[in-house]
């Protein structure tokens, strides 16, 4: 896709015409049904022009939510730096149309202050993220994971103070259990700030948020907390990439800790092939069916999708433009396939 030179970008006039936007929980914030994550393909190993093409393609297609974290790269911090450069070259005039989110909680640097949920780490990390992104505030700031070594009250008070200081408009959490989420929401409420959003992993092959009494889905729905789910395609396993086994150049064939050969079992491939056949019968791709299935869960606000090229972003957006809701019979068949 040929984008104009930096400084000459004008967003598509119809960018809001086809993307649905829904309220995030009970908040007034509306998020696009499909969002873009800058986890692995916006760091120092990706050419700046490629990253720029993907971000601008996403914005032209109605994607307003860009999801980052302090350690996204590769090279921690590199994805935020990439975003900052593209803000300067193209997107700064449209800052009020963007939902920029970042996180802190996983290891960012060596030493005692580069990990966890302490006030020291979260405050200094966000300040560094704002400098890298070249913005005065983020729209959403998440604590990236529950930290058993830091009192939850300290972590939540810090998130509340970040909102009161104007460094973030909303706060969220990621990778918290149902019980931890309820506790976090209660604490934030005592500090005068709502828990707006949770970011869990969720897809057809990883449904942990549905389990338990109450489940995380129950907590989110009952308390009016939105959800932006990551890995909705299970690192590419829920696409046509693995229908005939593990390609030599695939993520599963590498040393990736998030998807490896041990995850791609004969049983999993049988399920994926059956789901692909159902998608084909609906004139959808496997990926589009997998994304649509996630979005039909009433607890889910948006899916955070990754991409390595602009065409993948456009294909993901087509999910919400053309998807026909699953029938009860199709839902039952999917449950049968997933076991």
C-alpha atoms as a PDB file:
ATOM      1  CA  UNK A   1       0.000   0.000   0.000  1.00  0.00           C
ATOM      2  CA  UNK A   2       1.468   3.336  -1.061  1.00  0.00           C
ATOM      3  CA  UNK A   3       1.210   5.971   1.642  1.00  0.00           C
ATOM      4  CA  UNK A   4       2.054   9.635   1.000  1.00  0.00           C
ATOM      5  CA  UNK A   5       5.367  10.944   2.236  1.00  0.00           C
ATOM      6  CA  UNK A   6       5.606  11.890   5.915  1.00  0.00           C
ATOM      7  CA  UNK A   7       3.970  15.249   6.509  1.00  0.00           C
ATOM      8  CA  UNK A   8       1.473  14.801   3.676  1.00  0.00           C
ATOM      9  CA  UNK A   9      -0.824  12.157   5.174  1.00  0.00           C
ATOM     10  CA  UNK A  10      -4.559  12.876   5.200  1.00  0.00           C
ATOM     11  CA  UNK A  11      -6.751  10.179   6.758  1.00  0.00           C
ATOM     12  CA  UNK A  12      -9.511   8.535   4.769  1.00  0.00           C
ATOM     13  CA  UNK A  13     -12.679  10.614   4.846  1.00  0.00           C
ATOM     14  CA  UNK A  14     -14.836   7.507   5.350  1.00  0.00           C
ATOM     15  CA  UNK A  15     -12.748   5.965   8.138  1.00  0.00           C
ATOM     16  CA  UNK A  16     -15.649   5.902  10.592  1.00  0.00           C
ATOM     17  CA  UNK A  17     -18.262   4.649   8.139  1.00  0.00           C
ATOM     18  CA  UNK A  18     -17.825   0.898   8.552  1.00  0.00           C
ATOM     19  CA  UNK A  19     -16.130   0.238  11.904  1.00  0.00           C
ATOM     20  CA  UNK A  20     -18.530  -0.342  14.815  1.00  0.00           C
ATOM     21  CA  UNK A  21     -17.627   1.384  18.086  1.00  0.00           C
ATOM     22  CA  UNK A  22     -19.022   0.150  21.396  1.00  0.00           C
ATOM     23  CA  UNK A  23     -18.908   1.454  24.937  1.00  0.00           C
ATOM     24  CA  UNK A  24     -16.183   0.053  27.127  1.00  0.00           C
ATOM     25  CA  UNK A  25     -18.157  -1.424  30.015  1.00  0.00           C
ATOM     26  CA  UNK A  26     -20.267   1.256  31.672  1.00  0.00           C
ATOM     27  CA  UNK A  27     -17.838   4.040  30.792  1.00  0.00           C
ATOM     28  CA  UNK A  28     -18.505   6.634  28.124  1.00  0.00           C
ATOM     29  CA  UNK A  29     -15.408   5.553  26.204  1.00  0.00           C
ATOM     30  CA  UNK A  30     -16.140   3.918  22.861  1.00  0.00           C
ATOM     31  CA  UNK A  31     -13.628   1.503  21.345  1.00  0.00           C
ATOM     32  CA  UNK A  32     -13.479   0.008  17.845  1.00  0.00           C
ATOM     33  CA  UNK A  33     -14.396  -3.663  17.680  1.00  0.00           C
ATOM     34  CA  UNK A  34     -10.989  -4.355  16.122  1.00  0.00           C
ATOM     35  CA  UNK A  35      -7.863  -2.745  17.578  1.00  0.00           C
ATOM     36  CA  UNK A  36      -4.179  -2.906  16.685  1.00  0.00           C
ATOM     37  CA  UNK A  37      -1.494  -4.245  19.004  1.00  0.00           C
ATOM     38  CA  UNK A  38       2.099  -3.079  18.562  1.00  0.00           C
ATOM     39  CA  UNK A  39       3.606  -6.035  20.410  1.00  0.00           C
ATOM     40  CA  UNK A  40       6.044  -7.735  18.062  1.00  0.00           C
ATOM     41  CA  UNK A  41       6.186  -6.012  14.671  1.00  0.00           C
ATOM     42  CA  UNK A  42       6.756  -2.368  15.524  1.00  0.00           C
ATOM     43  CA  UNK A  43      10.149  -2.554  17.185  1.00  0.00           C
ATOM     44  CA  UNK A  44      13.691  -1.923  16.056  1.00  0.00           C
ATOM     45  CA  UNK A  45      13.753  -4.891  13.652  1.00  0.00           C
ATOM     46  CA  UNK A  46      10.816  -3.577  11.585  1.00  0.00           C
ATOM     47  CA  UNK A  47      11.527  -0.902   8.968  1.00  0.00           C
ATOM     48  CA  UNK A  48       9.984   2.429   9.941  1.00  0.00           C
ATOM     49  CA  UNK A  49       8.143   2.674   6.615  1.00  0.00           C
ATOM     50  CA  UNK A  50       6.487  -0.712   7.196  1.00  0.00           C
ATOM     51  CA  UNK A  51       5.365   0.249  10.692  1.00  0.00           C
ATOM     52  CA  UNK A  52       4.069   3.579   9.392  1.00  0.00           C
ATOM     53  CA  UNK A  53       2.102   1.894   6.598  1.00  0.00           C
ATOM     54  CA  UNK A  54       0.454  -0.446   9.088  1.00  0.00           C
ATOM     55  CA  UNK A  55      -0.513   2.273  11.569  1.00  0.00           C
ATOM     56  CA  UNK A  56      -1.915   4.586   8.915  1.00  0.00           C
ATOM     57  CA  UNK A  57      -3.748   1.727   7.185  1.00  0.00           C
ATOM     58  CA  UNK A  58      -5.335   0.876  10.520  1.00  0.00           C
ATOM     59  CA  UNK A  59      -6.408   4.466  11.169  1.00  0.00           C
ATOM     60  CA  UNK A  60      -7.818   4.789   7.656  1.00  0.00           C
ATOM     61  CA  UNK A  61      -9.871   1.643   8.325  1.00  0.00           C
ATOM     62  CA  UNK A  62     -11.401   3.051  11.512  1.00  0.00           C
ATOM     63  CA  UNK A  63      -9.031   1.521  14.068  1.00  0.00           C
ATOM     64  CA  UNK A  64      -8.505   4.193  16.699  1.00  0.00           C
ATOM     65  CA  UNK A  65      -7.113   2.071  19.554  1.00  0.00           C
ATOM     66  CA  UNK A  66      -3.372   1.336  19.442  1.00  0.00           C
ATOM     67  CA  UNK A  67      -2.169  -0.977  22.212  1.00  0.00           C
ATOM     68  CA  UNK A  68       1.401  -0.839  23.534  1.00  0.00           C
ATOM     69  CA  UNK A  69       3.438  -1.699  26.622  1.00  0.00           C
ATOM     70  CA  UNK A  70       6.688  -0.334  27.979  1.00  0.00           C
ATOM     71  CA  UNK A  71       8.598  -3.488  27.002  1.00  0.00           C
ATOM     72  CA  UNK A  72       7.166  -4.042  23.500  1.00  0.00           C
ATOM     73  CA  UNK A  73       9.845  -4.245  20.836  1.00  0.00           C
ATOM     74  CA  UNK A  74      12.001  -6.175  20.236  1.00  0.00           C
ATOM     75  CA  UNK A  75      14.281  -4.057  22.275  1.00  0.00           C
ATOM     76  CA  UNK A  76      12.100  -2.911  25.149  1.00  0.00           C
ATOM     77  CA  UNK A  77      10.669   0.525  24.486  1.00  0.00           C
ATOM     78  CA  UNK A  78      11.186   0.370  20.722  1.00  0.00           C
ATOM     79  CA  UNK A  79       7.482   0.061  19.831  1.00  0.00           C
ATOM     80  CA  UNK A  80       6.663   3.187  21.834  1.00  0.00           C
ATOM     81  CA  UNK A  81       9.508   5.002  20.085  1.00  0.00           C
ATOM     82  CA  UNK A  82       8.100   3.932  16.715  1.00  0.00           C
ATOM     83  CA  UNK A  83       4.688   5.278  17.675  1.00  0.00           C
ATOM     84  CA  UNK A  84       6.301   8.544  18.774  1.00  0.00           C
ATOM     85  CA  UNK A  85       8.012   8.996  15.423  1.00  0.00           C
ATOM     86  CA  UNK A  86       4.754   8.404  13.555  1.00  0.00           C
ATOM     87  CA  UNK A  87       2.948  10.829  15.855  1.00  0.00           C
ATOM     88  CA  UNK A  88       5.487  13.453  14.795  1.00  0.00           C
ATOM     89  CA  UNK A  89       5.362  12.629  11.081  1.00  0.00           C
ATOM     90  CA  UNK A  90       1.650  11.987  10.584  1.00  0.00           C
ATOM     91  CA  UNK A  91      -0.733  11.472  13.501  1.00  0.00           C
ATOM     92  CA  UNK A  92      -0.213  14.397  15.885  1.00  0.00           C
ATOM     93  CA  UNK A  93      -2.952  16.489  14.209  1.00  0.00           C
ATOM     94  CA  UNK A  94      -5.301  13.578  14.952  1.00  0.00           C
ATOM     95  CA  UNK A  95      -4.303  12.948  18.584  1.00  0.00           C
ATOM     96  CA  UNK A  96      -7.857  13.625  19.793  1.00  0.00           C
ATOM     97  CA  UNK A  97      -9.110  10.808  17.565  1.00  0.00           C
ATOM     98  CA  UNK A  98      -6.730   8.196  18.988  1.00  0.00           C
ATOM     99  CA  UNK A  99      -6.925   5.863  21.956  1.00  0.00           C
ATOM    100  CA  UNK A 100      -3.310   5.256  22.960  1.00  0.00           C
ATOM    101  CA  UNK A 101      -2.732   2.637  25.630  1.00  0.00           C
ATOM    102  CA  UNK A 102       0.393   1.396  27.327  1.00  0.00           C
ATOM    103  CA  UNK A 103       1.239  -0.867  30.249  1.00  0.00           C
ATOM    104  CA  UNK A 104       3.841  -1.635  32.889  1.00  0.00           C
ATOM    105  CA  UNK A 105       4.257  -4.712  35.036  1.00  0.00           C
ATOM    106  CA  UNK A 106       6.607  -7.102  33.277  1.00  0.00           C
ATOM    107  CA  UNK A 107      10.381  -6.716  33.236  1.00  0.00           C
ATOM    108  CA  UNK A 108      11.519  -3.533  31.530  1.00  0.00           C
ATOM    109  CA  UNK A 109      15.025  -3.154  32.918  1.00  0.00           C
ATOM    110  CA  UNK A 110      17.505  -4.776  35.275  1.00  0.00           C
ATOM    111  CA  UNK A 111      17.538  -3.971  38.964  1.00  0.00           C
ATOM    112  CA  UNK A 112      14.849  -3.750  41.658  1.00  0.00           C
ATOM    113  CA  UNK A 113      12.806  -0.977  40.028  1.00  0.00           C
ATOM    114  CA  UNK A 114      12.140  -2.400  36.563  1.00  0.00           C
ATOM    115  CA  UNK A 115       9.406  -4.943  37.260  1.00  0.00           C
ATOM    116  CA  UNK A 116       6.260  -5.568  39.307  1.00  0.00           C
ATOM    117  CA  UNK A 117       3.573  -3.277  40.669  1.00  0.00           C
ATOM    118  CA  UNK A 118       5.295  -0.828  42.998  1.00  0.00           C
ATOM    119  CA  UNK A 119       4.527   2.866  42.931  1.00  0.00           C
ATOM    120  CA  UNK A 120       8.188   3.527  42.093  1.00  0.00           C
ATOM    121  CA  UNK A 121       8.099   1.310  38.992  1.00  0.00           C
ATOM    122  CA  UNK A 122       4.698   2.297  37.651  1.00  0.00           C
ATOM    123  CA  UNK A 123       5.211   6.046  37.986  1.00  0.00           C
ATOM    124  CA  UNK A 124       8.697   6.071  36.468  1.00  0.00           C
ATOM    125  CA  UNK A 125       7.696   3.651  33.724  1.00  0.00           C
ATOM    126  CA  UNK A 126       4.756   5.753  32.586  1.00  0.00           C
ATOM    127  CA  UNK A 127       6.872   8.907  32.541  1.00  0.00           C
ATOM    128  CA  UNK A 128       9.385   7.108  30.310  1.00  0.00           C
ATOM    129  CA  UNK A 129       6.611   5.789  28.063  1.00  0.00           C
ATOM    130  CA  UNK A 130       5.200   9.282  27.575  1.00  0.00           C
ATOM    131  CA  UNK A 131       8.634  10.515  26.532  1.00  0.00           C
ATOM    132  CA  UNK A 132       9.077   7.675  24.037  1.00  0.00           C
ATOM    133  CA  UNK A 133       5.580   8.112  22.609  1.00  0.00           C
ATOM    134  CA  UNK A 134       5.979  11.892  22.534  1.00  0.00           C
ATOM    135  CA  UNK A 135       2.585  12.550  24.109  1.00  0.00           C
ATOM    136  CA  UNK A 136       1.458  14.333  27.280  1.00  0.00           C
ATOM    137  CA  UNK A 137      -0.926  11.597  28.362  1.00  0.00           C
ATOM    138  CA  UNK A 138      -2.190   8.155  27.421  1.00  0.00           C
ATOM    139  CA  UNK A 139      -5.840   7.321  27.141  1.00  0.00           C
ATOM    140  CA  UNK A 140      -5.477   4.005  28.999  1.00  0.00           C
ATOM    141  CA  UNK A 141      -2.735   2.889  31.364  1.00  0.00           C
ATOM    142  CA  UNK A 142      -2.729  -0.760  32.436  1.00  0.00           C
ATOM    143  CA  UNK A 143      -1.004  -2.669  35.169  1.00  0.00           C
ATOM    144  CA  UNK A 144       0.281  -5.530  33.025  1.00  0.00           C
ATOM    145  CA  UNK A 145       0.102  -8.362  35.574  1.00  0.00           C
ATOM    146  CA  UNK A 146      -0.790  -9.013  39.187  1.00  0.00           C
ATOM    147  CA  UNK A 147       2.227  -8.647  41.470  1.00  0.00           C
ATOM    148  CA  UNK A 148       2.047 -10.867  44.583  1.00  0.00           C
ATOM    149  CA  UNK A 149       5.020  -9.037  46.120  1.00  0.00           C
ATOM    150  CA  UNK A 150       3.363  -5.610  46.160  1.00  0.00           C
ATOM    151  CA  UNK A 151       0.229  -4.773  48.177  1.00  0.00           C
ATOM    152  CA  UNK A 152      -2.652  -4.455  45.739  1.00  0.00           C
ATOM    153  CA  UNK A 153      -3.679  -1.260  47.521  1.00  0.00           C
ATOM    154  CA  UNK A 154      -0.331   0.335  46.581  1.00  0.00           C
ATOM    155  CA  UNK A 155      -0.712  -0.634  42.927  1.00  0.00           C
ATOM    156  CA  UNK A 156      -4.312   0.571  42.663  1.00  0.00           C
ATOM    157  CA  UNK A 157      -3.618   3.810  44.537  1.00  0.00           C
ATOM    158  CA  UNK A 158      -0.830   4.479  42.047  1.00  0.00           C
ATOM    159  CA  UNK A 159      -3.181   3.902  39.113  1.00  0.00           C
ATOM    160  CA  UNK A 160      -5.712   6.264  40.672  1.00  0.00           C
ATOM    161  CA  UNK A 161      -3.062   8.927  41.246  1.00  0.00           C
ATOM    162  CA  UNK A 162      -1.976   8.608  37.606  1.00  0.00           C
ATOM    163  CA  UNK A 163      -5.528   9.497  36.565  1.00  0.00           C
ATOM    164  CA  UNK A 164      -5.741  12.366  39.078  1.00  0.00           C
ATOM    165  CA  UNK A 165      -2.443  13.726  37.728  1.00  0.00           C
ATOM    166  CA  UNK A 166      -3.790  13.722  34.170  1.00  0.00           C
ATOM    167  CA  UNK A 167      -1.210  11.266  32.851  1.00  0.00           C
ATOM    168  CA  UNK A 168      -3.934   8.770  31.881  1.00  0.00           C
ATOM    169  CA  UNK A 169      -7.642   9.235  31.244  1.00  0.00           C
ATOM    170  CA  UNK A 170      -8.604   5.665  32.174  1.00  0.00           C
ATOM    171  CA  UNK A 171      -6.878   2.761  33.906  1.00  0.00           C
ATOM    172  CA  UNK A 172      -7.035  -0.976  33.435  1.00  0.00           C
ATOM    173  CA  UNK A 173      -5.434  -4.246  34.418  1.00  0.00           C
ATOM    174  CA  UNK A 174      -4.201  -7.239  32.456  1.00  0.00           C
ATOM    175  CA  UNK A 175      -3.759 -10.913  33.309  1.00  0.00           C
ATOM    176  CA  UNK A 176      -5.634 -10.606  36.625  1.00  0.00           C
ATOM    177  CA  UNK A 177      -7.883 -13.437  37.824  1.00  0.00           C
ATOM    178  CA  UNK A 178     -11.583 -12.935  38.505  1.00  0.00           C
ATOM    179  CA  UNK A 179     -10.992 -12.561  42.245  1.00  0.00           C
ATOM    180  CA  UNK A 180      -8.054 -10.195  41.764  1.00  0.00           C
ATOM    181  CA  UNK A 181     -10.121  -8.119  39.323  1.00  0.00           C
ATOM    182  CA  UNK A 182     -12.961  -7.703  41.814  1.00  0.00           C
ATOM    183  CA  UNK A 183     -10.506  -6.674  44.531  1.00  0.00           C
ATOM    184  CA  UNK A 184      -8.786  -4.192  42.194  1.00  0.00           C
ATOM    185  CA  UNK A 185     -12.115  -2.643  41.206  1.00  0.00           C
ATOM    186  CA  UNK A 186     -13.149  -2.244  44.854  1.00  0.00           C
ATOM    187  CA  UNK A 187      -9.855  -0.564  45.759  1.00  0.00           C
ATOM    188  CA  UNK A 188      -9.932   1.814  42.807  1.00  0.00           C
ATOM    189  CA  UNK A 189     -13.483   2.817  43.721  1.00  0.00           C
ATOM    190  CA  UNK A 190     -12.317   3.870  47.188  1.00  0.00           C
ATOM    191  CA  UNK A 191      -9.777   6.155  45.483  1.00  0.00           C
ATOM    192  CA  UNK A 192     -12.459   7.717  43.273  1.00  0.00           C
ATOM    193  CA  UNK A 193     -11.428   6.065  39.991  1.00  0.00           C
ATOM    194  CA  UNK A 194     -13.301   3.296  38.154  1.00  0.00           C
ATOM    195  CA  UNK A 195     -11.648   0.209  36.743  1.00  0.00           C
ATOM    196  CA  UNK A 196     -12.511   0.776  33.093  1.00  0.00           C
ATOM    197  CA  UNK A 197     -10.985  -2.172  31.254  1.00  0.00           C
ATOM    198  CA  UNK A 198      -9.322  -5.559  31.598  1.00  0.00           C
ATOM    199  CA  UNK A 199      -6.971  -7.085  29.029  1.00  0.00           C
ATOM    200  CA  UNK A 200      -6.992 -10.902  29.208  1.00  0.00           C
ATOM    201  CA  UNK A 201      -5.874 -13.554  26.764  1.00  0.00           C
ATOM    202  CA  UNK A 202      -8.889 -15.199  25.122  1.00  0.00           C
ATOM    203  CA  UNK A 203      -9.528 -17.272  22.020  1.00  0.00           C
ATOM    204  CA  UNK A 204     -11.253 -20.452  20.872  1.00  0.00           C
ATOM    205  CA  UNK A 205      -8.445 -22.598  22.269  1.00  0.00           C
ATOM    206  CA  UNK A 206      -7.907 -20.671  25.517  1.00  0.00           C
ATOM    207  CA  UNK A 207     -11.180 -19.963  27.298  1.00  0.00           C
ATOM    208  CA  UNK A 208     -10.000 -19.477  30.877  1.00  0.00           C
ATOM    209  CA  UNK A 209     -12.007 -16.269  31.308  1.00  0.00           C
ATOM    210  CA  UNK A 210     -15.247 -18.301  31.015  1.00  0.00           C
ATOM    211  CA  UNK A 211     -14.337 -20.685  33.846  1.00  0.00           C
ATOM    212  CA  UNK A 212     -14.897 -20.455  37.590  1.00  0.00           C
ATOM    213  CA  UNK A 213     -17.662 -19.172  39.814  1.00  0.00           C
ATOM    214  CA  UNK A 214     -17.724 -16.326  39.300  1.00  0.00           C
ATOM    215  CA  UNK A 215     -15.776 -16.359  36.060  1.00  0.00           C
ATOM    216  CA  UNK A 216     -13.813 -13.355  34.871  1.00  0.00           C
ATOM    217  CA  UNK A 217     -16.571 -12.774  32.301  1.00  0.00           C
ATOM    218  CA  UNK A 218     -19.114 -12.695  35.135  1.00  0.00           C
ATOM    219  CA  UNK A 219     -17.076 -10.137  37.075  1.00  0.00           C
ATOM    220  CA  UNK A 220     -16.608  -7.908  34.019  1.00  0.00           C
ATOM    221  CA  UNK A 221     -20.286  -7.961  33.072  1.00  0.00           C
ATOM    222  CA  UNK A 222     -21.583  -7.506  36.613  1.00  0.00           C
ATOM    223  CA  UNK A 223     -19.266  -4.611  37.368  1.00  0.00           C
ATOM    224  CA  UNK A 224     -19.445  -2.876  34.001  1.00  0.00           C
ATOM    225  CA  UNK A 225     -15.782  -3.352  33.118  1.00  0.00           C
ATOM    226  CA  UNK A 226     -14.822  -3.581  29.453  1.00  0.00           C
ATOM    227  CA  UNK A 227     -12.454  -6.150  27.950  1.00  0.00           C
ATOM    228  CA  UNK A 228      -9.809  -5.830  25.235  1.00  0.00           C
ATOM    229  CA  UNK A 229      -8.598  -9.353  24.548  1.00  0.00           C
ATOM    230  CA  UNK A 230      -5.171 -10.233  23.242  1.00  0.00           C
ATOM    231  CA  UNK A 231      -4.093 -13.280  21.231  1.00  0.00           C
ATOM    232  CA  UNK A 232      -7.577 -13.814  19.718  1.00  0.00           C
ATOM    233  CA  UNK A 233      -5.947 -15.930  16.981  1.00  0.00           C
ATOM    234  CA  UNK A 234      -3.743 -17.854  19.431  1.00  0.00           C
ATOM    235  CA  UNK A 235      -0.472 -16.602  17.909  1.00  0.00           C
ATOM    236  CA  UNK A 236      -1.683 -17.472  14.388  1.00  0.00           C
ATOM    237  CA  UNK A 237      -2.767 -21.023  15.186  1.00  0.00           C
ATOM    238  CA  UNK A 238      -6.389 -20.051  14.464  1.00  0.00           C
ATOM    239  CA  UNK A 239      -5.608 -19.091  10.876  1.00  0.00           C
ATOM    240  CA  UNK A 240      -4.950 -21.117   7.736  1.00  0.00           C
ATOM    241  CA  UNK A 241      -1.217 -21.015   8.524  1.00  0.00           C
ATOM    242  CA  UNK A 242      -1.109 -24.442  10.189  1.00  0.00           C
ATOM    243  CA  UNK A 243      -3.764 -26.388   8.308  1.00  0.00           C
ATOM    244  CA  UNK A 244      -1.156 -28.683   6.736  1.00  0.00           C
ATOM    245  CA  UNK A 245       1.268 -28.857   9.661  1.00  0.00           C
ATOM    246  CA  UNK A 246       3.993 -26.574  10.963  1.00  0.00           C
ATOM    247  CA  UNK A 247       5.643 -24.440   8.253  1.00  0.00           C
ATOM    248  CA  UNK A 248       9.413 -24.187   8.552  1.00  0.00           C
ATOM    249  CA  UNK A 249       9.258 -20.375   8.729  1.00  0.00           C
ATOM    250  CA  UNK A 250       6.393 -20.223  11.227  1.00  0.00           C
ATOM    251  CA  UNK A 251       6.384 -18.964  14.810  1.00  0.00           C
ATOM    252  CA  UNK A 252       5.695 -22.497  16.073  1.00  0.00           C
ATOM    253  CA  UNK A 253       8.838 -23.776  14.328  1.00  0.00           C
ATOM    254  CA  UNK A 254      10.972 -21.154  16.074  1.00  0.00           C
ATOM    255  CA  UNK A 255      11.990 -20.834  19.698  1.00  0.00           C
ATOM    256  CA  UNK A 256       8.996 -18.626  20.504  1.00  0.00           C
ATOM    257  CA  UNK A 257       7.846 -19.110  24.104  1.00  0.00           C
ATOM    258  CA  UNK A 258       4.245 -18.220  23.237  1.00  0.00           C
ATOM    259  CA  UNK A 259       3.744 -20.859  20.520  1.00  0.00           C
ATOM    260  CA  UNK A 260       5.943 -23.858  19.829  1.00  0.00           C
ATOM    261  CA  UNK A 261       5.738 -27.326  18.311  1.00  0.00           C
ATOM    262  CA  UNK A 262       4.396 -28.794  21.539  1.00  0.00           C
ATOM    263  CA  UNK A 263       1.297 -26.597  21.221  1.00  0.00           C
ATOM    264  CA  UNK A 264       0.497 -27.754  17.680  1.00  0.00           C
ATOM    265  CA  UNK A 265      -0.731 -31.253  18.460  1.00  0.00           C
ATOM    266  CA  UNK A 266      -2.664 -33.588  16.158  1.00  0.00           C
ATOM    267  CA  UNK A 267      -5.791 -32.945  18.249  1.00  0.00           C
ATOM    268  CA  UNK A 268      -5.437 -29.172  17.905  1.00  0.00           C
ATOM    269  CA  UNK A 269      -4.893 -29.419  14.140  1.00  0.00           C
ATOM    270  CA  UNK A 270      -8.003 -31.597  13.815  1.00  0.00           C
ATOM    271  CA  UNK A 271     -10.051 -28.937  15.563  1.00  0.00           C
ATOM    272  CA  UNK A 272      -8.561 -26.102  13.540  1.00  0.00           C
ATOM    273  CA  UNK A 273      -9.271 -27.922  10.266  1.00  0.00           C
ATOM    274  CA  UNK A 274     -12.880 -28.511  11.297  1.00  0.00           C
ATOM    275  CA  UNK A 275     -13.257 -24.840  12.205  1.00  0.00           C
ATOM    276  CA  UNK A 276     -11.690 -23.852   8.888  1.00  0.00           C
ATOM    277  CA  UNK A 277     -14.254 -25.967   7.040  1.00  0.00           C
ATOM    278  CA  UNK A 278     -17.043 -24.173   8.908  1.00  0.00           C
ATOM    279  CA  UNK A 279     -15.506 -20.804   8.061  1.00  0.00           C
ATOM    280  CA  UNK A 280     -15.271 -21.743   4.383  1.00  0.00           C
ATOM    281  CA  UNK A 281     -18.939 -22.724   4.374  1.00  0.00           C
ATOM    282  CA  UNK A 282     -19.719 -19.228   5.689  1.00  0.00           C
ATOM    283  CA  UNK A 283     -17.466 -17.594   3.043  1.00  0.00           C
ATOM    284  CA  UNK A 284     -15.100 -16.431   5.812  1.00  0.00           C
ATOM    285  CA  UNK A 285     -11.474 -17.120   6.568  1.00  0.00           C
ATOM    286  CA  UNK A 286     -10.508 -19.119   9.627  1.00  0.00           C
ATOM    287  CA  UNK A 287      -9.139 -15.934  11.206  1.00  0.00           C
ATOM    288  CA  UNK A 288     -12.350 -14.019  10.581  1.00  0.00           C
ATOM    289  CA  UNK A 289     -14.447 -16.769  12.170  1.00  0.00           C
ATOM    290  CA  UNK A 290     -12.124 -16.875  15.196  1.00  0.00           C
ATOM    291  CA  UNK A 291     -12.291 -13.095  15.693  1.00  0.00           C
ATOM    292  CA  UNK A 292     -16.051 -12.994  15.229  1.00  0.00           C
ATOM    293  CA  UNK A 293     -16.527 -15.827  17.737  1.00  0.00           C
ATOM    294  CA  UNK A 294     -14.619 -13.836  20.359  1.00  0.00           C
ATOM    295  CA  UNK A 295     -16.611 -10.669  19.652  1.00  0.00           C
ATOM    296  CA  UNK A 296     -19.919 -12.497  20.115  1.00  0.00           C
ATOM    297  CA  UNK A 297     -19.066 -12.928  23.796  1.00  0.00           C
ATOM    298  CA  UNK A 298     -21.004 -10.074  25.483  1.00  0.00           C
ATOM    299  CA  UNK A 299     -18.142  -9.437  27.910  1.00  0.00           C
ATOM    300  CA  UNK A 300     -15.742  -8.481  25.102  1.00  0.00           C
ATOM    301  CA  UNK A 301     -15.387  -4.896  23.911  1.00  0.00           C
ATOM    302  CA  UNK A 302     -12.589  -5.220  21.348  1.00  0.00           C
ATOM    303  CA  UNK A 303     -10.054  -7.687  19.978  1.00  0.00           C
ATOM    304  CA  UNK A 304      -6.411  -6.610  19.863  1.00  0.00           C
ATOM    305  CA  UNK A 305      -4.980  -7.980  16.647  1.00  0.00           C
ATOM    306  CA  UNK A 306      -1.382  -8.076  15.498  1.00  0.00           C
ATOM    307  CA  UNK A 307      -0.081  -7.662  11.979  1.00  0.00           C
ATOM    308  CA  UNK A 308       3.112  -7.832   9.966  1.00  0.00           C
ATOM    309  CA  UNK A 309       1.683  -6.167   6.857  1.00  0.00           C
ATOM    310  CA  UNK A 310      -1.227  -3.820   6.036  1.00  0.00           C
ATOM    311  CA  UNK A 311      -3.254  -6.485   4.187  1.00  0.00           C
ATOM    312  CA  UNK A 312      -3.676  -8.456   7.429  1.00  0.00           C
ATOM    313  CA  UNK A 313      -5.153  -5.407   9.133  1.00  0.00           C
ATOM    314  CA  UNK A 314      -7.697  -4.918   6.356  1.00  0.00           C
ATOM    315  CA  UNK A 315      -8.654  -8.596   6.481  1.00  0.00           C
ATOM    316  CA  UNK A 316      -9.265  -8.347  10.221  1.00  0.00           C
ATOM    317  CA  UNK A 317     -11.408  -5.240   9.771  1.00  0.00           C
ATOM    318  CA  UNK A 318     -13.503  -7.130   7.216  1.00  0.00           C
ATOM    319  CA  UNK A 319     -14.527  -9.396  10.101  1.00  0.00           C
ATOM    320  CA  UNK A 320     -16.799  -6.745  11.568  1.00  0.00           C
ATOM    321  CA  UNK A 321     -17.853  -5.298   8.242  1.00  0.00           C
ATOM    322  CA  UNK A 322     -19.215  -8.495   6.734  1.00  0.00           C
ATOM    323  CA  UNK A 323     -19.685 -11.010   9.539  1.00  0.00           C
ATOM    324  CA  UNK A 324     -23.119 -12.595   9.806  1.00  0.00           C
ATOM    325  CA  UNK A 325     -23.886 -13.536  13.430  1.00  0.00           C
ATOM    326  CA  UNK A 326     -23.467 -17.208  14.223  1.00  0.00           C
ATOM    327  CA  UNK A 327     -26.666 -19.215  14.422  1.00  0.00           C
ATOM    328  CA  UNK A 328     -27.471 -21.329  17.462  1.00  0.00           C
ATOM    329  CA  UNK A 329     -26.717 -24.413  15.379  1.00  0.00           C
ATOM    330  CA  UNK A 330     -23.309 -23.049  14.358  1.00  0.00           C
ATOM    331  CA  UNK A 331     -22.476 -22.146  17.956  1.00  0.00           C
ATOM    332  CA  UNK A 332     -23.386 -25.667  19.025  1.00  0.00           C
ATOM    333  CA  UNK A 333     -21.203 -27.121  16.270  1.00  0.00           C
ATOM    334  CA  UNK A 334     -18.265 -24.952  17.379  1.00  0.00           C
ATOM    335  CA  UNK A 335     -18.716 -26.162  20.955  1.00  0.00           C
ATOM    336  CA  UNK A 336     -18.687 -29.731  19.695  1.00  0.00           C
ATOM    337  CA  UNK A 337     -15.484 -29.115  17.738  1.00  0.00           C
ATOM    338  CA  UNK A 338     -13.757 -27.410  20.636  1.00  0.00           C
ATOM    339  CA  UNK A 339     -14.816 -30.129  23.032  1.00  0.00           C
END
